[in-house]
Amino acid sequence: MKVHALSAVIVLIAAIWTGLDRTEWMLVIVLIGGMLALELVNSALERTVDLVTAERHPLAKQAKDMAAGAVLVFAVTSAIIGLLIFLPKWF
């Protein structure tokens, strides 16, 4: 969560510096909010799995891995969209 929060601050500074239009701002804000929300859901799922079972269970590991995978997929997708927004303005 700390890495995503720091990334969000960096993206917001870059957005201010770049001078995004209203639509681009809305997209960046939705992506940042979605990323932070998904990270919170991932953390909640991990803690719930830990609460339900203290022993190592393959299904518990799969649930945690899948939630982390969802965060990774959204992070990569957000990064690609960010590049599509920022790169044309910078180069």
PDB file of N, CA and C in Angstrom:
ATOM      1  N   MET A   1       0.825  -1.188   0.000  1.00  0.00           N
ATOM      2  CA  MET A   1       0.000   0.000   0.000  1.00  0.00           C
ATOM      3  C   MET A   1       0.875   1.259   0.000  1.00  0.00           C
ATOM      4  N   LYS A   2       1.971   1.225   0.734  1.00  0.00           N
ATOM      5  CA  LYS A   2       2.853   2.395   0.787  1.00  0.00           C
ATOM      6  C   LYS A   2       3.443   2.713  -0.583  1.00  0.00           C
ATOM      7  N   VAL A   3       3.817   1.675  -1.311  1.00  0.00           N
ATOM      8  CA  VAL A   3       4.389   1.877  -2.650  1.00  0.00           C
ATOM      9  C   VAL A   3       3.350   2.501  -3.576  1.00  0.00           C
ATOM     10  N   HIS A   4       2.111   2.019  -3.493  1.00  0.00           N
ATOM     11  CA  HIS A   4       1.060   2.561  -4.353  1.00  0.00           C
ATOM     12  C   HIS A   4       0.726   3.997  -3.971  1.00  0.00           C
ATOM     13  N   ALA A   5       0.730   4.299  -2.676  1.00  0.00           N
ATOM     14  CA  ALA A   5       0.460   5.667  -2.235  1.00  0.00           C
ATOM     15  C   ALA A   5       1.567   6.615  -2.707  1.00  0.00           C
ATOM     16  N   LEU A   6       2.815   6.186  -2.593  1.00  0.00           N
ATOM     17  CA  LEU A   6       3.928   7.002  -3.079  1.00  0.00           C
ATOM     18  C   LEU A   6       3.837   7.193  -4.593  1.00  0.00           C
ATOM     19  N   SER A   7       3.505   6.125  -5.303  1.00  0.00           N
ATOM     20  CA  SER A   7       3.332   6.216  -6.758  1.00  0.00           C
ATOM     21  C   SER A   7       2.226   7.196  -7.115  1.00  0.00           C
ATOM     22  N   ALA A   8       1.147   7.182  -6.346  1.00  0.00           N
ATOM     23  CA  ALA A   8       0.033   8.098  -6.593  1.00  0.00           C
ATOM     24  C   ALA A   8       0.480   9.551  -6.443  1.00  0.00           C
ATOM     25  N   VAL A   9       1.269   9.830  -5.424  1.00  0.00           N
ATOM     26  CA  VAL A   9       1.773  11.192  -5.224  1.00  0.00           C
ATOM     27  C   VAL A   9       2.650  11.612  -6.404  1.00  0.00           C
ATOM     28  N   ILE A  10       3.509  10.732  -6.847  1.00  0.00           N
ATOM     29  CA  ILE A  10       4.389  11.030  -7.984  1.00  0.00           C
ATOM     30  C   ILE A  10       3.571  11.280  -9.244  1.00  0.00           C
ATOM     31  N   VAL A  11       2.561  10.448  -9.477  1.00  0.00           N
ATOM     32  CA  VAL A  11       1.708  10.627 -10.661  1.00  0.00           C
ATOM     33  C   VAL A  11       0.948  11.948 -10.580  1.00  0.00           C
ATOM     34  N   LEU A  12       0.445  12.296  -9.413  1.00  0.00           N
ATOM     35  CA  LEU A  12      -0.283  13.566  -9.264  1.00  0.00           C
ATOM     36  C   LEU A  12       0.638  14.763  -9.515  1.00  0.00           C
ATOM     37  N   ILE A  13       1.859  14.697  -9.032  1.00  0.00           N
ATOM     38  CA  ILE A  13       2.822  15.779  -9.297  1.00  0.00           C
ATOM     39  C   ILE A  13       3.118  15.865 -10.793  1.00  0.00           C
ATOM     40  N   ALA A  14       3.318  14.704 -11.424  1.00  0.00           N
ATOM     41  CA  ALA A  14       3.561  14.680 -12.878  1.00  0.00           C
ATOM     42  C   ALA A  14       2.358  15.218 -13.644  1.00  0.00           C
ATOM     43  N   ALA A  15       1.156  14.915 -13.169  1.00  0.00           N
ATOM     44  CA  ALA A  15      -0.055  15.400 -13.832  1.00  0.00           C
ATOM     45  C   ALA A  15      -0.176  16.913 -13.738  1.00  0.00           C
ATOM     46  N   ILE A  16       0.143  17.459 -12.581  1.00  0.00           N
ATOM     47  CA  ILE A  16       0.120  18.922 -12.415  1.00  0.00           C
ATOM     48  C   ILE A  16       1.167  19.550 -13.319  1.00  0.00           C
ATOM     49  N   TRP A  17       2.360  19.013 -13.324  1.00  0.00           N
ATOM     50  CA  TRP A  17       3.463  19.538 -14.117  1.00  0.00           C
ATOM     51  C   TRP A  17       3.163  19.446 -15.612  1.00  0.00           C
ATOM     52  N   THR A  18       2.489  18.356 -16.019  1.00  0.00           N
ATOM     53  CA  THR A  18       2.208  18.127 -17.435  1.00  0.00           C
ATOM     54  C   THR A  18       1.035  18.962 -17.937  1.00  0.00           C
ATOM     55  N   GLY A  19       0.099  19.276 -17.063  1.00  0.00           N
ATOM     56  CA  GLY A  19      -1.065  20.054 -17.473  1.00  0.00           C
ATOM     57  C   GLY A  19      -2.099  19.205 -18.196  1.00  0.00           C
ATOM     58  N   LEU A  20      -2.566  18.183 -17.523  1.00  0.00           N
ATOM     59  CA  LEU A  20      -3.566  17.297 -18.124  1.00  0.00           C
ATOM     60  C   LEU A  20      -4.889  18.035 -18.312  1.00  0.00           C
ATOM     61  N   ASP A  21      -5.666  17.571 -19.301  1.00  0.00           N
ATOM     62  CA  ASP A  21      -6.996  18.149 -19.466  1.00  0.00           C
ATOM     63  C   ASP A  21      -7.962  17.438 -18.514  1.00  0.00           C
ATOM     64  N   ARG A  22      -9.210  17.897 -18.496  1.00  0.00           N
ATOM     65  CA  ARG A  22     -10.179  17.400 -17.523  1.00  0.00           C
ATOM     66  C   ARG A  22     -10.407  15.892 -17.644  1.00  0.00           C
ATOM     67  N   THR A  23     -10.553  15.401 -18.844  1.00  0.00           N
ATOM     68  CA  THR A  23     -10.792  13.968 -19.052  1.00  0.00           C
ATOM     69  C   THR A  23      -9.602  13.144 -18.573  1.00  0.00           C
ATOM     70  N   GLU A  24      -8.403  13.592 -18.870  1.00  0.00           N
ATOM     71  CA  GLU A  24      -7.200  12.877 -18.427  1.00  0.00           C
ATOM     72  C   GLU A  24      -7.107  12.877 -16.900  1.00  0.00           C
ATOM     73  N   TRP A  25      -7.438  14.004 -16.283  1.00  0.00           N
ATOM     74  CA  TRP A  25      -7.447  14.077 -14.819  1.00  0.00           C
ATOM     75  C   TRP A  25      -8.432  13.067 -14.239  1.00  0.00           C
ATOM     76  N   MET A  26      -9.627  13.004 -14.831  1.00  0.00           N
ATOM     77  CA  MET A  26     -10.634  12.064 -14.320  1.00  0.00           C
ATOM     78  C   MET A  26     -10.128  10.634 -14.425  1.00  0.00           C
ATOM     79  N   LEU A  27      -9.500  10.300 -15.531  1.00  0.00           N
ATOM     80  CA  LEU A  27      -8.985   8.945 -15.718  1.00  0.00           C
ATOM     81  C   LEU A  27      -7.875   8.637 -14.714  1.00  0.00           C
ATOM     82  N   VAL A  28      -6.970   9.575 -14.527  1.00  0.00           N
ATOM     83  CA  VAL A  28      -5.876   9.377 -13.569  1.00  0.00           C
ATOM     84  C   VAL A  28      -6.427   9.196 -12.154  1.00  0.00           C
ATOM     85  N   ILE A  29      -7.410   9.993 -11.778  1.00  0.00           N
ATOM     86  CA  ILE A  29      -7.995   9.884 -10.440  1.00  0.00           C
ATOM     87  C   ILE A  29      -8.714   8.550 -10.263  1.00  0.00           C
ATOM     88  N   VAL A  30      -9.452   8.112 -11.284  1.00  0.00           N
ATOM     89  CA  VAL A  30     -10.129   6.805 -11.207  1.00  0.00           C
ATOM     90  C   VAL A  30      -9.098   5.678 -11.078  1.00  0.00           C
ATOM     91  N   LEU A  31      -8.029   5.755 -11.835  1.00  0.00           N
ATOM     92  CA  LEU A  31      -6.995   4.715 -11.759  1.00  0.00           C
ATOM     93  C   LEU A  31      -6.320   4.693 -10.391  1.00  0.00           C
ATOM     94  N   ILE A  32      -6.001   5.853  -9.857  1.00  0.00           N
ATOM     95  CA  ILE A  32      -5.375   5.909  -8.527  1.00  0.00           C
ATOM     96  C   ILE A  32      -6.345   5.384  -7.474  1.00  0.00           C
ATOM     97  N   GLY A  33      -7.584   5.843  -7.519  1.00  0.00           N
ATOM     98  CA  GLY A  33      -8.580   5.372  -6.552  1.00  0.00           C
ATOM     99  C   GLY A  33      -8.827   3.880  -6.665  1.00  0.00           C
ATOM    100  N   GLY A  34      -8.906   3.384  -7.900  1.00  0.00           N
ATOM    101  CA  GLY A  34      -9.100   1.949  -8.102  1.00  0.00           C
ATOM    102  C   GLY A  34      -7.937   1.128  -7.573  1.00  0.00           C
ATOM    103  N   MET A  35      -6.727   1.639  -7.795  1.00  0.00           N
ATOM    104  CA  MET A  35      -5.544   0.917  -7.332  1.00  0.00           C
ATOM    105  C   MET A  35      -5.517   0.847  -5.808  1.00  0.00           C
ATOM    106  N   LEU A  36      -5.770   1.973  -5.157  1.00  0.00           N
ATOM    107  CA  LEU A  36      -5.751   1.992  -3.692  1.00  0.00           C
ATOM    108  C   LEU A  36      -6.888   1.143  -3.125  1.00  0.00           C
ATOM    109  N   ALA A  37      -8.060   1.211  -3.748  1.00  0.00           N
ATOM    110  CA  ALA A  37      -9.194   0.401  -3.283  1.00  0.00           C
ATOM    111  C   ALA A  37      -8.899  -1.087  -3.443  1.00  0.00           C
ATOM    112  N   LEU A  38      -8.336  -1.474  -4.577  1.00  0.00           N
ATOM    113  CA  LEU A  38      -8.026  -2.882  -4.807  1.00  0.00           C
ATOM    114  C   LEU A  38      -6.953  -3.367  -3.838  1.00  0.00           C
ATOM    115  N   GLU A  39      -6.011  -2.512  -3.521  1.00  0.00           N
ATOM    116  CA  GLU A  39      -4.981  -2.883  -2.544  1.00  0.00           C
ATOM    117  C   GLU A  39      -5.612  -3.099  -1.165  1.00  0.00           C
ATOM    118  N   LEU A  40      -6.580  -2.277  -0.804  1.00  0.00           N
ATOM    119  CA  LEU A  40      -7.275  -2.464   0.477  1.00  0.00           C
ATOM    120  C   LEU A  40      -8.074  -3.768   0.483  1.00  0.00           C
ATOM    121  N   VAL A  41      -8.742  -4.089  -0.624  1.00  0.00           N
ATOM    122  CA  VAL A  41      -9.478  -5.352  -0.718  1.00  0.00           C
ATOM    123  C   VAL A  41      -8.508  -6.523  -0.598  1.00  0.00           C
ATOM    124  N   ASN A  42      -7.365  -6.439  -1.257  1.00  0.00           N
ATOM    125  CA  ASN A  42      -6.353  -7.485  -1.164  1.00  0.00           C
ATOM    126  C   ASN A  42      -5.903  -7.668   0.284  1.00  0.00           C
ATOM    127  N   SER A  43      -5.632  -6.579   0.970  1.00  0.00           N
ATOM    128  CA  SER A  43      -5.194  -6.667   2.366  1.00  0.00           C
ATOM    129  C   SER A  43      -6.287  -7.263   3.252  1.00  0.00           C
ATOM    130  N   ALA A  44      -7.531  -6.875   3.002  1.00  0.00           N
ATOM    131  CA  ALA A  44      -8.644  -7.417   3.786  1.00  0.00           C
ATOM    132  C   ALA A  44      -8.785  -8.916   3.551  1.00  0.00           C
ATOM    133  N   LEU A  45      -8.660  -9.339   2.307  1.00  0.00           N
ATOM    134  CA  LEU A  45      -8.768 -10.768   1.994  1.00  0.00           C
ATOM    135  C   LEU A  45      -7.646 -11.552   2.665  1.00  0.00           C
ATOM    136  N   GLU A  46      -6.440 -11.029   2.614  1.00  0.00           N
ATOM    137  CA  GLU A  46      -5.313 -11.729   3.239  1.00  0.00           C
ATOM    138  C   GLU A  46      -5.515 -11.870   4.745  1.00  0.00           C
ATOM    139  N   ARG A  47      -5.985 -10.820   5.380  1.00  0.00           N
ATOM    140  CA  ARG A  47      -6.208 -10.885   6.826  1.00  0.00           C
ATOM    141  C   ARG A  47      -7.363 -11.824   7.172  1.00  0.00           C
ATOM    142  N   THR A  48      -8.384 -11.843   6.336  1.00  0.00           N
ATOM    143  CA  THR A  48      -9.507 -12.756   6.569  1.00  0.00           C
ATOM    144  C   THR A  48      -9.050 -14.204   6.447  1.00  0.00           C
ATOM    145  N   VAL A  49      -8.258 -14.503   5.429  1.00  0.00           N
ATOM    146  CA  VAL A  49      -7.743 -15.862   5.266  1.00  0.00           C
ATOM    147  C   VAL A  49      -6.880 -16.235   6.469  1.00  0.00           C
ATOM    148  N   ASP A  50      -6.055 -15.302   6.935  1.00  0.00           N
ATOM    149  CA  ASP A  50      -5.218 -15.576   8.110  1.00  0.00           C
ATOM    150  C   ASP A  50      -6.070 -15.813   9.354  1.00  0.00           C
ATOM    151  N   LEU A  51      -7.188 -15.111   9.450  1.00  0.00           N
ATOM    152  CA  LEU A  51      -8.073 -15.269  10.608  1.00  0.00           C
ATOM    153  C   LEU A  51      -8.788 -16.620  10.585  1.00  0.00           C
ATOM    154  N   VAL A  52      -9.175 -17.061   9.404  1.00  0.00           N
ATOM    155  CA  VAL A  52      -9.941 -18.296   9.269  1.00  0.00           C
ATOM    156  C   VAL A  52      -9.080 -19.528   9.505  1.00  0.00           C
ATOM    157  N   THR A  53      -7.854 -19.501   9.020  1.00  0.00           N
ATOM    158  CA  THR A  53      -7.005 -20.681   9.166  1.00  0.00           C
ATOM    159  C   THR A  53      -5.596 -20.283   9.590  1.00  0.00           C
ATOM    160  N   ALA A  54      -5.126 -20.916  10.645  1.00  0.00           N
ATOM    161  CA  ALA A  54      -3.766 -20.651  11.125  1.00  0.00           C
ATOM    162  C   ALA A  54      -2.758 -21.572  10.436  1.00  0.00           C
ATOM    163  N   GLU A  55      -3.263 -22.681   9.893  1.00  0.00           N
ATOM    164  CA  GLU A  55      -2.357 -23.628   9.226  1.00  0.00           C
ATOM    165  C   GLU A  55      -2.229 -23.266   7.749  1.00  0.00           C
ATOM    166  N   ARG A  56      -1.156 -23.748   7.157  1.00  0.00           N
ATOM    167  CA  ARG A  56      -0.956 -23.520   5.714  1.00  0.00           C
ATOM    168  C   ARG A  56      -1.875 -24.451   4.938  1.00  0.00           C
ATOM    169  N   HIS A  57      -2.651 -23.852   4.078  1.00  0.00           N
ATOM    170  CA  HIS A  57      -3.569 -24.642   3.262  1.00  0.00           C
ATOM    171  C   HIS A  57      -3.425 -24.179   1.819  1.00  0.00           C
ATOM    172  N   PRO A  58      -3.385 -25.117   0.863  1.00  0.00           N
ATOM    173  CA  PRO A  58      -3.193 -24.729  -0.535  1.00  0.00           C
ATOM    174  C   PRO A  58      -4.265 -23.757  -1.047  1.00  0.00           C
ATOM    175  N   LEU A  59      -5.509 -23.921  -0.613  1.00  0.00           N
ATOM    176  CA  LEU A  59      -6.566 -23.015  -1.066  1.00  0.00           C
ATOM    177  C   LEU A  59      -6.398 -21.612  -0.480  1.00  0.00           C
ATOM    178  N   ALA A  60      -5.910 -21.546   0.755  1.00  0.00           N
ATOM    179  CA  ALA A  60      -5.653 -20.240   1.366  1.00  0.00           C
ATOM    180  C   ALA A  60      -4.546 -19.516   0.590  1.00  0.00           C
ATOM    181  N   LYS A  61      -3.510 -20.250   0.233  1.00  0.00           N
ATOM    182  CA  LYS A  61      -2.418 -19.664  -0.550  1.00  0.00           C
ATOM    183  C   LYS A  61      -2.926 -19.208  -1.914  1.00  0.00           C
ATOM    184  N   GLN A  62      -3.766 -20.022  -2.541  1.00  0.00           N
ATOM    185  CA  GLN A  62      -4.312 -19.642  -3.852  1.00  0.00           C
ATOM    186  C   GLN A  62      -5.149 -18.377  -3.760  1.00  0.00           C
ATOM    187  N   ALA A  63      -5.965 -18.273  -2.717  1.00  0.00           N
ATOM    188  CA  ALA A  63      -6.803 -17.084  -2.548  1.00  0.00           C
ATOM    189  C   ALA A  63      -5.927 -15.840  -2.397  1.00  0.00           C
ATOM    190  N   LYS A  64      -4.895 -15.936  -1.593  1.00  0.00           N
ATOM    191  CA  LYS A  64      -3.987 -14.798  -1.411  1.00  0.00           C
ATOM    192  C   LYS A  64      -3.250 -14.459  -2.702  1.00  0.00           C
ATOM    193  N   ASP A  65      -2.769 -15.483  -3.398  1.00  0.00           N
ATOM    194  CA  ASP A  65      -2.047 -15.258  -4.651  1.00  0.00           C
ATOM    195  C   ASP A  65      -2.946 -14.637  -5.716  1.00  0.00           C
ATOM    196  N   MET A  66      -4.193 -15.077  -5.775  1.00  0.00           N
ATOM    197  CA  MET A  66      -5.119 -14.530  -6.765  1.00  0.00           C
ATOM    198  C   MET A  66      -5.454 -13.068  -6.468  1.00  0.00           C
ATOM    199  N   ALA A  67      -5.624 -12.742  -5.204  1.00  0.00           N
ATOM    200  CA  ALA A  67      -5.896 -11.348  -4.842  1.00  0.00           C
ATOM    201  C   ALA A  67      -4.688 -10.472  -5.171  1.00  0.00           C
ATOM    202  N   ALA A  68      -3.496 -10.963  -4.871  1.00  0.00           N
ATOM    203  CA  ALA A  68      -2.285 -10.212  -5.214  1.00  0.00           C
ATOM    204  C   ALA A  68      -2.139 -10.102  -6.725  1.00  0.00           C
ATOM    205  N   GLY A  69      -2.514 -11.144  -7.442  1.00  0.00           N
ATOM    206  CA  GLY A  69      -2.474 -11.113  -8.901  1.00  0.00           C
ATOM    207  C   GLY A  69      -3.415 -10.066  -9.468  1.00  0.00           C
ATOM    208  N   ALA A  70      -4.584  -9.915  -8.863  1.00  0.00           N
ATOM    209  CA  ALA A  70      -5.527  -8.890  -9.306  1.00  0.00           C
ATOM    210  C   ALA A  70      -4.930  -7.493  -9.137  1.00  0.00           C
ATOM    211  N   VAL A  71      -4.239  -7.284  -8.042  1.00  0.00           N
ATOM    212  CA  VAL A  71      -3.567  -5.997  -7.819  1.00  0.00           C
ATOM    213  C   VAL A  71      -2.499  -5.778  -8.886  1.00  0.00           C
ATOM    214  N   LEU A  72      -1.739  -6.806  -9.189  1.00  0.00           N
ATOM    215  CA  LEU A  72      -0.689  -6.700 -10.206  1.00  0.00           C
ATOM    216  C   LEU A  72      -1.275  -6.378 -11.578  1.00  0.00           C
ATOM    217  N   VAL A  73      -2.345  -7.069 -11.958  1.00  0.00           N
ATOM    218  CA  VAL A  73      -2.976  -6.822 -13.253  1.00  0.00           C
ATOM    219  C   VAL A  73      -3.460  -5.375 -13.343  1.00  0.00           C
ATOM    220  N   PHE A  74      -4.104  -4.881 -12.291  1.00  0.00           N
ATOM    221  CA  PHE A  74      -4.596  -3.502 -12.310  1.00  0.00           C
ATOM    222  C   PHE A  74      -3.435  -2.508 -12.327  1.00  0.00           C
ATOM    223  N   ALA A  75      -2.362  -2.808 -11.610  1.00  0.00           N
ATOM    224  CA  ALA A  75      -1.195  -1.922 -11.587  1.00  0.00           C
ATOM    225  C   ALA A  75      -0.560  -1.828 -12.969  1.00  0.00           C
ATOM    226  N   VAL A  76      -0.400  -2.960 -13.641  1.00  0.00           N
ATOM    227  CA  VAL A  76       0.188  -2.959 -14.981  1.00  0.00           C
ATOM    228  C   VAL A  76      -0.725  -2.219 -15.958  1.00  0.00           C
ATOM    229  N   THR A  77      -2.026  -2.491 -15.872  1.00  0.00           N
ATOM    230  CA  THR A  77      -2.988  -1.801 -16.736  1.00  0.00           C
ATOM    231  C   THR A  77      -2.949  -0.290 -16.492  1.00  0.00           C
ATOM    232  N   SER A  78      -2.890   0.113 -15.241  1.00  0.00           N
ATOM    233  CA  SER A  78      -2.817   1.535 -14.907  1.00  0.00           C
ATOM    234  C   SER A  78      -1.538   2.166 -15.443  1.00  0.00           C
ATOM    235  N   ALA A  79      -0.443   1.445 -15.342  1.00  0.00           N
ATOM    236  CA  ALA A  79       0.828   1.961 -15.853  1.00  0.00           C
ATOM    237  C   ALA A  79       0.770   2.147 -17.367  1.00  0.00           C
ATOM    238  N   ILE A  80       0.173   1.200 -18.069  1.00  0.00           N
ATOM    239  CA  ILE A  80       0.050   1.326 -19.534  1.00  0.00           C
ATOM    240  C   ILE A  80      -0.812   2.524 -19.896  1.00  0.00           C
ATOM    241  N   ILE A  81      -1.936   2.680 -19.214  1.00  0.00           N
ATOM    242  CA  ILE A  81      -2.801   3.838 -19.479  1.00  0.00           C
ATOM    243  C   ILE A  81      -2.065   5.131 -19.148  1.00  0.00           C
ATOM    244  N   GLY A  82      -1.317   5.127 -18.048  1.00  0.00           N
ATOM    245  CA  GLY A  82      -0.524   6.302 -17.695  1.00  0.00           C
ATOM    246  C   GLY A  82       0.477   6.660 -18.780  1.00  0.00           C
ATOM    247  N   LEU A  83       1.132   5.658 -19.320  1.00  0.00           N
ATOM    248  CA  LEU A  83       2.079   5.915 -20.415  1.00  0.00           C
ATOM    249  C   LEU A  83       1.365   6.485 -21.640  1.00  0.00           C
ATOM    250  N   LEU A  84       0.179   5.959 -21.936  1.00  0.00           N
ATOM    251  CA  LEU A  84      -0.589   6.479 -23.077  1.00  0.00           C
ATOM    252  C   LEU A  84      -1.022   7.933 -22.874  1.00  0.00           C
ATOM    253  N   ILE A  85      -1.218   8.319 -21.624  1.00  0.00           N
ATOM    254  CA  ILE A  85      -1.600   9.705 -21.331  1.00  0.00           C
ATOM    255  C   ILE A  85      -0.379  10.622 -21.335  1.00  0.00           C
ATOM    256  N   PHE A  86       0.680  10.210 -20.648  1.00  0.00           N
ATOM    257  CA  PHE A  86       1.813  11.115 -20.416  1.00  0.00           C
ATOM    258  C   PHE A  86       2.830  11.168 -21.559  1.00  0.00           C
ATOM    259  N   LEU A  87       3.175  10.035 -22.136  1.00  0.00           N
ATOM    260  CA  LEU A  87       4.254  10.027 -23.138  1.00  0.00           C
ATOM    261  C   LEU A  87       4.005  10.969 -24.322  1.00  0.00           C
ATOM    262  N   PRO A  88       2.794  11.003 -24.908  1.00  0.00           N
ATOM    263  CA  PRO A  88       2.596  11.930 -26.025  1.00  0.00           C
ATOM    264  C   PRO A  88       2.766  13.404 -25.625  1.00  0.00           C
ATOM    265  N   LYS A  89       2.500  13.714 -24.384  1.00  0.00           N
ATOM    266  CA  LYS A  89       2.650  15.098 -23.916  1.00  0.00           C
ATOM    267  C   LYS A  89       4.106  15.454 -23.655  1.00  0.00           C
ATOM    268  N   TRP A  90       4.917  14.438 -23.346  1.00  0.00           N
ATOM    269  CA  TRP A  90       6.314  14.689 -23.036  1.00  0.00           C
ATOM    270  C   TRP A  90       7.218  14.607 -24.244  1.00  0.00           C
ATOM    271  N   PHE A  91       6.813  13.840 -25.269  1.00  0.00           N
ATOM    272  CA  PHE A  91       7.703  13.647 -26.426  1.00  0.00           C
ATOM    273  C   PHE A  91       7.032  14.040 -27.701  1.00  0.00           C
TER     274      PHE A  91
END
